[in-house]
């Protein structure tokens, strides 16, 4: 899981959240927003947990 930051020509900030399976090289989610809140991050991870088999531990 990572957040990418960029700005448009008019200084509008974008911070999409990306979740990538580095082993399989597959993007699981890419949610665009100007600054995702914690509730939005949890909602994306919870939605993925319903659709995919998730690892027991993340980030080891």
PDB file of N, CA and C in Angstrom:
ATOM      1  N   UNK A   1       0.861  -1.151   0.000  1.00  0.00           N
ATOM      2  CA  UNK A   1       0.000   0.000   0.000  1.00  0.00           C
ATOM      3  C   UNK A   1       0.909   1.215   0.000  1.00  0.00           C
ATOM      4  N   UNK A   2       0.531   2.181  -0.833  1.00  0.00           N
ATOM      5  CA  UNK A   2       1.331   3.382  -0.953  1.00  0.00           C
ATOM      6  C   UNK A   2       0.422   4.535  -1.358  1.00  0.00           C
ATOM      7  N   UNK A   3       0.893   5.728  -1.089  1.00  0.00           N
ATOM      8  CA  UNK A   3       0.207   6.926  -1.539  1.00  0.00           C
ATOM      9  C   UNK A   3       1.141   7.663  -2.476  1.00  0.00           C
ATOM     10  N   UNK A   4       0.631   8.052  -3.618  1.00  0.00           N
ATOM     11  CA  UNK A   4       1.395   8.794  -4.605  1.00  0.00           C
ATOM     12  C   UNK A   4       0.913  10.230  -4.540  1.00  0.00           C
ATOM     13  N   UNK A   5       1.808  11.168  -4.748  1.00  0.00           N
ATOM     14  CA  UNK A   5       1.411  12.572  -4.686  1.00  0.00           C
ATOM     15  C   UNK A   5       1.795  13.263  -5.979  1.00  0.00           C
ATOM     16  N   UNK A   6       0.890  14.077  -6.473  1.00  0.00           N
ATOM     17  CA  UNK A   6       1.141  14.837  -7.694  1.00  0.00           C
ATOM     18  C   UNK A   6       0.292  16.095  -7.654  1.00  0.00           C
ATOM     19  N   UNK A   7       0.580  17.016  -8.535  1.00  0.00           N
ATOM     20  CA  UNK A   7      -0.196  18.255  -8.621  1.00  0.00           C
ATOM     21  C   UNK A   7      -0.481  18.560 -10.086  1.00  0.00           C
ATOM     22  N   UNK A   8      -1.654  19.094 -10.324  1.00  0.00           N
ATOM     23  CA  UNK A   8      -2.026  19.523 -11.661  1.00  0.00           C
ATOM     24  C   UNK A   8      -1.458  20.913 -11.925  1.00  0.00           C
ATOM     25  N   UNK A   9      -1.623  21.365 -13.122  1.00  0.00           N
ATOM     26  CA  UNK A   9      -1.094  22.669 -13.506  1.00  0.00           C
ATOM     27  C   UNK A   9      -1.663  23.795 -12.641  1.00  0.00           C
ATOM     28  N   UNK A  10      -2.915  23.649 -12.207  1.00  0.00           N
ATOM     29  CA  UNK A  10      -3.550  24.681 -11.381  1.00  0.00           C
ATOM     30  C   UNK A  10      -3.309  24.457  -9.883  1.00  0.00           C
ATOM     31  N   UNK A  11      -2.283  23.676  -9.535  1.00  0.00           N
ATOM     32  CA  UNK A  11      -1.884  23.366  -8.154  1.00  0.00           C
ATOM     33  C   UNK A  11      -2.903  22.545  -7.380  1.00  0.00           C
ATOM     34  N   UNK A  12      -3.823  21.895  -8.058  1.00  0.00           N
ATOM     35  CA  UNK A  12      -4.751  20.975  -7.407  1.00  0.00           C
ATOM     36  C   UNK A  12      -3.973  19.702  -7.061  1.00  0.00           C
ATOM     37  N   UNK A  13      -3.918  19.361  -5.781  1.00  0.00           N
ATOM     38  CA  UNK A  13      -3.166  18.207  -5.320  1.00  0.00           C
ATOM     39  C   UNK A  13      -3.962  16.915  -5.476  1.00  0.00           C
ATOM     40  N   UNK A  14      -3.275  15.852  -5.880  1.00  0.00           N
ATOM     41  CA  UNK A  14      -3.865  14.522  -5.990  1.00  0.00           C
ATOM     42  C   UNK A  14      -3.017  13.559  -5.169  1.00  0.00           C
ATOM     43  N   UNK A  15      -3.666  12.712  -4.369  1.00  0.00           N
ATOM     44  CA  UNK A  15      -2.976  11.694  -3.561  1.00  0.00           C
ATOM     45  C   UNK A  15      -3.723  10.366  -3.654  1.00  0.00           C
ATOM     46  N   UNK A  16      -3.593   9.662  -4.772  1.00  0.00           N
ATOM     47  CA  UNK A  16      -4.275   8.370  -4.864  1.00  0.00           C
ATOM     48  C   UNK A  16      -3.604   7.310  -3.994  1.00  0.00           C
ATOM     49  N   UNK A  17      -4.417   6.400  -3.499  1.00  0.00           N
ATOM     50  CA  UNK A  17      -3.947   5.260  -2.716  1.00  0.00           C
ATOM     51  C   UNK A  17      -3.827   4.075  -3.668  1.00  0.00           C
ATOM     52  N   UNK A  18      -2.685   3.407  -3.643  1.00  0.00           N
ATOM     53  CA  UNK A  18      -2.493   2.236  -4.481  1.00  0.00           C
ATOM     54  C   UNK A  18      -2.154   1.032  -3.603  1.00  0.00           C
ATOM     55  N   UNK A  19      -2.723  -0.107  -3.955  1.00  0.00           N
ATOM     56  CA  UNK A  19      -2.404  -1.361  -3.271  1.00  0.00           C
ATOM     57  C   UNK A  19      -1.981  -2.347  -4.359  1.00  0.00           C
ATOM     58  N   UNK A  20      -0.725  -2.797  -4.271  1.00  0.00           N
ATOM     59  CA  UNK A  20      -0.147  -3.644  -5.303  1.00  0.00           C
ATOM     60  C   UNK A  20       0.421  -4.906  -4.660  1.00  0.00           C
ATOM     61  N   UNK A  21       0.156  -6.041  -5.282  1.00  0.00           N
ATOM     62  CA  UNK A  21       0.780  -7.302  -4.894  1.00  0.00           C
ATOM     63  C   UNK A  21       2.107  -7.367  -5.647  1.00  0.00           C
ATOM     64  N   UNK A  22       3.209  -7.077  -4.956  1.00  0.00           N
ATOM     65  CA  UNK A  22       4.518  -7.003  -5.600  1.00  0.00           C
ATOM     66  C   UNK A  22       4.971  -8.371  -6.116  1.00  0.00           C
ATOM     67  N   UNK A  23       4.576  -9.440  -5.450  1.00  0.00           N
ATOM     68  CA  UNK A  23       4.983 -10.770  -5.881  1.00  0.00           C
ATOM     69  C   UNK A  23       4.305 -11.153  -7.193  1.00  0.00           C
ATOM     70  N   UNK A  24       3.005 -10.934  -7.278  1.00  0.00           N
ATOM     71  CA  UNK A  24       2.251 -11.294  -8.483  1.00  0.00           C
ATOM     72  C   UNK A  24       2.245 -10.175  -9.525  1.00  0.00           C
ATOM     73  N   UNK A  25       2.747  -8.994  -9.132  1.00  0.00           N
ATOM     74  CA  UNK A  25       2.752  -7.814 -10.004  1.00  0.00           C
ATOM     75  C   UNK A  25       1.351  -7.468 -10.482  1.00  0.00           C
ATOM     76  N   UNK A  26       0.464  -7.407  -9.527  1.00  0.00           N
ATOM     77  CA  UNK A  26      -0.946  -7.146  -9.822  1.00  0.00           C
ATOM     78  C   UNK A  26      -1.439  -5.995  -8.950  1.00  0.00           C
ATOM     79  N   UNK A  27      -2.086  -5.026  -9.576  1.00  0.00           N
ATOM     80  CA  UNK A  27      -2.657  -3.907  -8.832  1.00  0.00           C
ATOM     81  C   UNK A  27      -4.028  -4.315  -8.309  1.00  0.00           C
ATOM     82  N   UNK A  28      -4.184  -4.292  -6.993  1.00  0.00           N
ATOM     83  CA  UNK A  28      -5.453  -4.678  -6.379  1.00  0.00           C
ATOM     84  C   UNK A  28      -6.402  -3.502  -6.284  1.00  0.00           C
ATOM     85  N   UNK A  29      -5.870  -2.300  -6.072  1.00  0.00           N
ATOM     86  CA  UNK A  29      -6.727  -1.123  -5.938  1.00  0.00           C
ATOM     87  C   UNK A  29      -5.929   0.125  -6.276  1.00  0.00           C
ATOM     88  N   UNK A  30      -6.615   1.079  -6.829  1.00  0.00           N
ATOM     89  CA  UNK A  30      -6.049   2.396  -7.105  1.00  0.00           C
ATOM     90  C   UNK A  30      -7.190   3.385  -6.930  1.00  0.00           C
ATOM     91  N   UNK A  31      -7.243   4.021  -5.784  1.00  0.00           N
ATOM     92  CA  UNK A  31      -8.336   4.927  -5.439  1.00  0.00           C
ATOM     93  C   UNK A  31      -7.824   6.355  -5.485  1.00  0.00           C
ATOM     94  N   UNK A  32      -8.411   7.177  -6.325  1.00  0.00           N
ATOM     95  CA  UNK A  32      -7.971   8.554  -6.471  1.00  0.00           C
ATOM     96  C   UNK A  32      -8.753   9.516  -5.593  1.00  0.00           C
ATOM     97  N   UNK A  33      -8.038  10.475  -5.020  1.00  0.00           N
ATOM     98  CA  UNK A  33      -8.672  11.488  -4.184  1.00  0.00           C
ATOM     99  C   UNK A  33      -7.664  12.610  -3.968  1.00  0.00           C
ATOM    100  N   UNK A  34      -8.134  13.715  -3.419  1.00  0.00           N
ATOM    101  CA  UNK A  34      -7.229  14.822  -3.120  1.00  0.00           C
ATOM    102  C   UNK A  34      -6.523  14.623  -1.785  1.00  0.00           C
ATOM    103  N   UNK A  35      -6.931  13.689  -1.020  1.00  0.00           N
ATOM    104  CA  UNK A  35      -6.314  13.395   0.263  1.00  0.00           C
ATOM    105  C   UNK A  35      -7.200  12.438   1.018  1.00  0.00           C
ATOM    106  N   UNK A  36      -7.015  11.125   0.810  1.00  0.00           N
ATOM    107  CA  UNK A  36      -7.915  10.151   1.424  1.00  0.00           C
ATOM    108  C   UNK A  36      -7.869  10.200   2.948  1.00  0.00           C
ATOM    109  N   UNK A  37      -9.015  10.077   3.539  1.00  0.00           N
ATOM    110  CA  UNK A  37      -9.145  10.027   4.996  1.00  0.00           C
ATOM    111  C   UNK A  37      -8.936   8.586   5.467  1.00  0.00           C
ATOM    112  N   UNK A  38      -8.690   8.422   6.749  1.00  0.00           N
ATOM    113  CA  UNK A  38      -8.467   7.093   7.313  1.00  0.00           C
ATOM    114  C   UNK A  38      -9.628   6.152   7.063  1.00  0.00           C
ATOM    115  N   UNK A  39     -10.852   6.689   7.133  1.00  0.00           N
ATOM    116  CA  UNK A  39     -12.042   5.851   6.897  1.00  0.00           C
ATOM    117  C   UNK A  39     -12.064   5.332   5.466  1.00  0.00           C
ATOM    118  N   UNK A  40     -11.596   6.142   4.513  1.00  0.00           N
ATOM    119  CA  UNK A  40     -11.570   5.710   3.119  1.00  0.00           C
ATOM    120  C   UNK A  40     -10.537   4.602   2.915  1.00  0.00           C
ATOM    121  N   UNK A  41      -9.397   4.721   3.580  1.00  0.00           N
ATOM    122  CA  UNK A  41      -8.356   3.697   3.484  1.00  0.00           C
ATOM    123  C   UNK A  41      -8.872   2.374   4.042  1.00  0.00           C
ATOM    124  N   UNK A  42      -9.526   2.434   5.200  1.00  0.00           N
ATOM    125  CA  UNK A  42     -10.083   1.230   5.813  1.00  0.00           C
ATOM    126  C   UNK A  42     -11.146   0.611   4.910  1.00  0.00           C
ATOM    127  N   UNK A  43     -11.966   1.430   4.279  1.00  0.00           N
ATOM    128  CA  UNK A  43     -13.020   0.919   3.396  1.00  0.00           C
ATOM    129  C   UNK A  43     -12.427   0.180   2.199  1.00  0.00           C
ATOM    130  N   UNK A  44     -11.352   0.699   1.629  1.00  0.00           N
ATOM    131  CA  UNK A  44     -10.712   0.035   0.487  1.00  0.00           C
ATOM    132  C   UNK A  44     -10.139  -1.310   0.913  1.00  0.00           C
ATOM    133  N   UNK A  45      -9.437  -1.344   2.040  1.00  0.00           N
ATOM    134  CA  UNK A  45      -8.840  -2.596   2.521  1.00  0.00           C
ATOM    135  C   UNK A  45      -9.932  -3.605   2.887  1.00  0.00           C
ATOM    136  N   UNK A  46     -11.009  -3.138   3.500  1.00  0.00           N
ATOM    137  CA  UNK A  46     -12.109  -4.041   3.862  1.00  0.00           C
ATOM    138  C   UNK A  46     -12.773  -4.619   2.614  1.00  0.00           C
ATOM    139  N   UNK A  47     -12.951  -3.794   1.587  1.00  0.00           N
ATOM    140  CA  UNK A  47     -13.544  -4.277   0.338  1.00  0.00           C
ATOM    141  C   UNK A  47     -12.650  -5.336  -0.303  1.00  0.00           C
ATOM    142  N   UNK A  48     -11.334  -5.113  -0.285  1.00  0.00           N
ATOM    143  CA  UNK A  48     -10.413  -6.102  -0.847  1.00  0.00           C
ATOM    144  C   UNK A  48     -10.433  -7.400  -0.061  1.00  0.00           C
ATOM    145  N   UNK A  49     -10.602  -7.303   1.252  1.00  0.00           N
ATOM    146  CA  UNK A  49     -10.652  -8.501   2.088  1.00  0.00           C
ATOM    147  C   UNK A  49     -11.850  -9.372   1.739  1.00  0.00           C
ATOM    148  N   UNK A  50     -12.924  -8.768   1.244  1.00  0.00           N
ATOM    149  CA  UNK A  50     -14.097  -9.545   0.828  1.00  0.00           C
ATOM    150  C   UNK A  50     -13.888 -10.217  -0.530  1.00  0.00           C
ATOM    151  N   UNK A  51     -13.043  -9.606  -1.363  1.00  0.00           N
ATOM    152  CA  UNK A  51     -12.865 -10.090  -2.729  1.00  0.00           C
ATOM    153  C   UNK A  51     -11.659 -10.998  -2.918  1.00  0.00           C
ATOM    154  N   UNK A  52     -10.682 -10.904  -2.028  1.00  0.00           N
ATOM    155  CA  UNK A  52      -9.413 -11.609  -2.203  1.00  0.00           C
ATOM    156  C   UNK A  52      -9.044 -12.401  -0.956  1.00  0.00           C
ATOM    157  N   UNK A  53      -8.129 -13.321  -1.125  1.00  0.00           N
ATOM    158  CA  UNK A  53      -7.509 -13.983   0.019  1.00  0.00           C
ATOM    159  C   UNK A  53      -6.373 -13.068   0.454  1.00  0.00           C
ATOM    160  N   UNK A  54      -6.456 -12.583   1.665  1.00  0.00           N
ATOM    161  CA  UNK A  54      -5.463 -11.625   2.148  1.00  0.00           C
ATOM    162  C   UNK A  54      -4.444 -12.324   3.045  1.00  0.00           C
ATOM    163  N   UNK A  55      -3.211 -11.815   3.074  1.00  0.00           N
ATOM    164  CA  UNK A  55      -2.211 -12.410   3.945  1.00  0.00           C
ATOM    165  C   UNK A  55      -2.557 -12.212   5.399  1.00  0.00           C
ATOM    166  N   UNK A  56      -2.085 -13.103   6.242  1.00  0.00           N
ATOM    167  CA  UNK A  56      -2.345 -13.003   7.670  1.00  0.00           C
ATOM    168  C   UNK A  56      -1.680 -11.767   8.252  1.00  0.00           C
ATOM    169  N   UNK A  57      -0.455 -11.494   7.825  1.00  0.00           N
ATOM    170  CA  UNK A  57       0.303 -10.330   8.277  1.00  0.00           C
ATOM    171  C   UNK A  57       0.662  -9.478   7.080  1.00  0.00           C
ATOM    172  N   UNK A  58       0.540  -8.196   7.230  1.00  0.00           N
ATOM    173  CA  UNK A  58       0.916  -7.268   6.152  1.00  0.00           C
ATOM    174  C   UNK A  58       2.157  -6.521   6.592  1.00  0.00           C
ATOM    175  N   UNK A  59       3.158  -6.455   5.727  1.00  0.00           N
ATOM    176  CA  UNK A  59       4.324  -5.640   5.989  1.00  0.00           C
ATOM    177  C   UNK A  59       5.448  -6.310   6.746  1.00  0.00           C
ATOM    178  N   UNK A  60       5.503  -7.602   6.758  1.00  0.00           N
ATOM    179  CA  UNK A  60       6.621  -8.272   7.433  1.00  0.00           C
ATOM    180  C   UNK A  60       7.816  -8.362   6.556  1.00  0.00           C
TER     181      UNK A  60
END
